[in-house]
Protein backbone atom coordinates (compact mmCIF):
# COMPACT_ATOMS: atom_id res chain seq x y z
CA UNK A 1 -112.06 -65.48 -113.42
CA UNK A 2 -111.84 -61.85 -114.40
CA UNK A 3 -114.71 -60.09 -115.76
CA UNK A 4 -114.83 -57.17 -118.46
CA UNK A 5 -116.13 -54.09 -117.32
CA UNK A 6 -117.19 -52.23 -119.97
CA UNK A 7 -118.00 -52.12 -123.93
CA UNK A 8 -119.55 -54.86 -125.94
CA UNK A 9 -118.13 -57.56 -123.90
CA UNK A 10 -119.03 -56.25 -120.55
CA UNK A 11 -120.13 -59.07 -117.92
CA UNK A 12 -118.11 -61.50 -120.03
CA UNK A 13 -115.17 -63.41 -118.14
CA UNK A 14 -111.87 -64.42 -119.05
CA UNK A 15 -109.44 -66.82 -117.57
CA UNK A 16 -106.59 -65.23 -115.25
CA UNK A 17 -103.07 -67.19 -115.75
CA UNK A 18 -102.69 -69.46 -113.17
CA UNK A 19 -99.15 -68.07 -111.79
CA UNK A 20 -99.46 -66.79 -108.29
CA UNK A 21 -96.37 -64.12 -109.64
CA UNK A 22 -99.06 -62.65 -111.85
CA UNK A 23 -100.70 -59.38 -110.75
CA UNK A 24 -103.92 -58.48 -112.08
CA UNK A 25 -104.83 -54.77 -113.22
CA UNK A 26 -108.62 -54.39 -110.93
CA UNK A 27 -111.35 -53.72 -112.42
CA UNK A 28 -111.48 -50.27 -110.59
CA UNK A 29 -108.27 -49.52 -112.06
CA UNK A 30 -109.66 -50.76 -115.69
CA UNK A 31 -112.67 -48.49 -115.22
CA UNK A 32 -110.64 -45.50 -114.32
CA UNK A 33 -108.30 -46.16 -117.10
CA UNK A 34 -111.02 -46.37 -119.63
CA UNK A 35 -112.80 -43.27 -118.28
CA UNK A 36 -109.66 -41.14 -118.75
CA UNK A 37 -108.58 -42.73 -122.13
CA UNK A 38 -110.80 -43.28 -124.97
CA UNK A 39 -109.51 -46.00 -127.04
CA UNK A 40 -112.49 -45.93 -129.44
CA UNK A 41 -111.29 -46.57 -133.05
CA UNK A 42 -107.30 -46.40 -131.91
CA UNK A 43 -104.78 -48.91 -131.87
CA UNK A 44 -103.77 -50.08 -128.72
CA UNK A 45 -100.34 -52.15 -127.09
CA UNK A 46 -100.37 -53.86 -124.08
CA UNK A 47 -96.70 -54.56 -122.80
CA UNK A 48 -96.32 -57.29 -119.91
CA UNK A 49 -100.25 -58.41 -120.86
CA UNK A 50 -100.55 -61.35 -118.82
CA UNK A 51 -104.04 -62.91 -119.44
CA UNK A 52 -104.85 -59.77 -122.04
CA UNK A 53 -107.76 -58.50 -120.02
CA UNK A 54 -106.66 -54.93 -120.69
CA UNK A 55 -106.49 -55.69 -124.29
CA UNK A 56 -109.71 -57.44 -124.31
CA UNK A 57 -111.15 -54.59 -122.57
CA UNK A 58 -109.73 -52.07 -125.08
CA UNK A 59 -111.25 -54.11 -127.96
CA UNK A 60 -114.42 -54.24 -125.92
CA UNK A 61 -114.47 -50.41 -125.66
CA UNK A 62 -113.90 -49.94 -129.38
CA UNK A 63 -109.89 -50.12 -130.14
CA UNK A 64 -109.64 -51.07 -133.80
CA UNK A 65 -106.81 -53.04 -133.07
CA UNK A 66 -104.91 -54.48 -130.30
CA UNK A 67 -101.40 -56.09 -129.69
CA UNK A 68 -100.65 -57.78 -126.28
CA UNK A 69 -96.94 -58.68 -125.51
CA UNK A 70 -95.61 -61.13 -122.66
CA UNK A 71 -92.45 -63.02 -122.34
CA UNK A 72 -94.29 -65.87 -120.44
CA UNK A 73 -95.25 -68.88 -122.92
CA UNK A 74 -98.16 -69.79 -120.00
CA UNK A 75 -99.42 -66.14 -120.09
CA UNK A 76 -99.33 -65.74 -124.08
CA UNK A 77 -101.37 -69.28 -124.25
CA UNK A 78 -104.09 -68.09 -122.03
CA UNK A 79 -104.09 -64.95 -123.36
CA UNK A 80 -104.49 -66.26 -126.71
CA UNK A 81 -107.24 -68.84 -125.34
CA UNK A 82 -109.38 -65.84 -123.97
CA UNK A 83 -108.93 -63.80 -127.31
CA UNK A 84 -110.40 -67.13 -129.11
CA UNK A 85 -113.03 -67.93 -126.48
CA UNK A 86 -114.32 -64.22 -126.70
CA UNK A 87 -114.08 -63.88 -130.44
CA UNK A 88 -112.06 -61.02 -130.50
CA UNK A 89 -108.99 -60.25 -132.81
CA UNK A 90 -106.14 -59.79 -130.70
CA UNK A 91 -102.44 -60.33 -131.60
CA UNK A 92 -100.54 -61.77 -128.87
CA UNK A 93 -96.75 -62.11 -129.22
CA UNK A 94 -94.51 -64.08 -127.01
CA UNK A 95 -91.39 -61.81 -126.36
CA UNK A 96 -89.62 -59.72 -124.06
CA UNK A 97 -90.78 -55.96 -123.82
CA UNK A 98 -87.28 -54.77 -124.80
CA UNK A 99 -87.02 -57.25 -127.71
CA UNK A 100 -90.57 -55.91 -129.03
CA UNK A 101 -89.95 -52.41 -128.70
CA UNK A 102 -86.51 -52.87 -130.80
CA UNK A 103 -87.78 -54.58 -133.63
CA UNK A 104 -91.42 -53.05 -133.47
CA UNK A 105 -91.89 -50.45 -136.45
CA UNK A 106 -95.78 -49.74 -135.85
CA UNK A 107 -96.87 -46.67 -134.35
CA UNK A 108 -99.73 -47.25 -131.73
CA UNK A 109 -102.24 -44.60 -130.39
CA UNK A 110 -102.12 -45.87 -126.66
CA UNK A 111 -99.41 -48.00 -124.92
CA UNK A 112 -100.24 -49.52 -121.74
CA UNK A 113 -97.71 -51.11 -119.52
CA UNK A 114 -98.05 -52.85 -116.21
CA UNK A 115 -94.77 -54.89 -115.47
CA UNK A 116 -94.17 -56.43 -112.01
CA UNK A 117 -94.22 -54.04 -109.52
CA UNK A 118 -90.95 -52.58 -107.72
CA UNK A 119 -88.38 -54.18 -110.61
CA UNK A 120 -87.46 -50.87 -112.41
CA UNK A 121 -89.06 -52.08 -115.61
CA UNK A 122 -91.01 -48.60 -115.91
CA UNK A 123 -88.32 -46.62 -116.14
CA UNK A 124 -86.36 -48.91 -118.47
CA UNK A 125 -89.32 -49.32 -120.65
CA UNK A 126 -90.40 -45.28 -120.84
CA UNK A 127 -86.59 -45.07 -121.88
CA UNK A 128 -87.07 -47.55 -124.85
CA UNK A 129 -90.42 -45.76 -125.67
CA UNK A 130 -88.70 -42.42 -125.73
CA UNK A 131 -86.16 -43.19 -128.33
CA UNK A 132 -88.80 -44.42 -130.96
CA UNK A 133 -92.10 -42.85 -131.99
CA UNK A 134 -94.08 -45.42 -130.73
CA UNK A 135 -97.22 -43.80 -129.29
CA UNK A 136 -98.64 -40.36 -128.43
CA UNK A 137 -100.18 -41.63 -125.47
CA UNK A 138 -98.67 -43.73 -122.75
CA UNK A 139 -100.41 -45.34 -119.47
CA UNK A 140 -98.44 -46.75 -116.79
CA UNK A 141 -99.95 -48.95 -114.01
CA UNK A 142 -97.10 -49.43 -111.31
CA UNK A 143 -96.70 -49.29 -107.66
CA UNK A 144 -97.18 -46.27 -105.87
CA UNK A 145 -93.86 -46.93 -103.74
CA UNK A 146 -91.61 -47.05 -107.02
CA UNK A 147 -89.94 -44.21 -108.29
CA UNK A 148 -89.89 -43.46 -112.07
CA UNK A 149 -87.60 -41.70 -114.60
CA UNK A 150 -89.90 -40.11 -116.97
CA UNK A 151 -87.76 -39.03 -120.28
CA UNK A 152 -88.23 -35.22 -121.23
CA UNK A 153 -90.04 -36.22 -124.20
CA UNK A 154 -93.01 -37.29 -122.28
CA UNK A 155 -95.56 -35.09 -120.25
CA UNK A 156 -97.15 -36.27 -117.39
CA UNK A 157 -100.90 -35.28 -117.95
CA UNK A 158 -102.49 -37.15 -115.06
CA UNK A 159 -101.53 -39.46 -111.88
CA UNK A 160 -104.14 -41.20 -109.76
CA UNK A 161 -103.68 -43.79 -106.95
CA UNK A 162 -105.91 -46.90 -106.38
CA UNK A 163 -104.59 -49.07 -103.39
CA UNK A 164 -101.10 -49.99 -103.84
CA UNK A 165 -101.34 -49.24 -107.37
CA UNK A 166 -100.78 -45.91 -109.24
CA UNK A 167 -101.93 -44.80 -113.05
CA UNK A 168 -99.55 -42.52 -114.81
CA UNK A 169 -100.93 -40.83 -118.07
CA UNK A 170 -98.14 -39.68 -120.05
CA UNK A 171 -98.35 -37.68 -123.53
CA UNK A 172 -95.45 -37.33 -126.18
CA UNK A 173 -94.16 -33.62 -125.78
CA UNK A 174 -92.29 -31.73 -128.16
CA UNK A 175 -89.95 -30.46 -125.43
CA UNK A 176 -86.10 -31.09 -126.14
CA UNK A 177 -83.43 -31.69 -123.21
CA UNK A 178 -81.87 -34.03 -121.13
CA UNK A 179 -82.58 -37.56 -121.49
CA UNK A 180 -84.64 -38.04 -118.35
CA UNK A 181 -86.03 -36.39 -115.05
CA UNK A 182 -86.72 -38.10 -111.98
CA UNK A 183 -90.31 -38.19 -111.00
CA UNK A 184 -91.71 -37.92 -107.51
CA UNK A 185 -91.94 -41.00 -105.82
CA UNK A 186 -95.61 -42.51 -106.02
């Protein structure tokens, strides 16, 4: 079981997705994330949500709205079950993140993406996010070994490493220029 680390649901447990390929955002990384980003009163989008632990944690910490997206039917089923069991209002969608970003017309205050490590989903997702005004703040959890291309439309605000994981906090920048630049390896 996973445990919510802060807010109104602190200490409550949620069910993980019973799939060995699923990797979870650790409680240490979630605490660090929410100490750097205030989600109180904000809208929150989680791509590659798995059990939706990060979205549920965002709601626990005061997010006014949260949407969780995953391509796995099993993950979506577990995420919905977790939200229902805890009595939180969470929209959970079963679709590929690319399709969601193509069709989405809503603007979120914070987007969190935590794709499978080392498969280049981060660079692709950031490129898609740069083409639309989906969010002001984007938080990426990735493998510290994975190199990413950060579009010029985003400014790297913070970069922190926790074991094998790294958090990148990006903000939309008014800068114009080439489509993307190579970030340093992390």
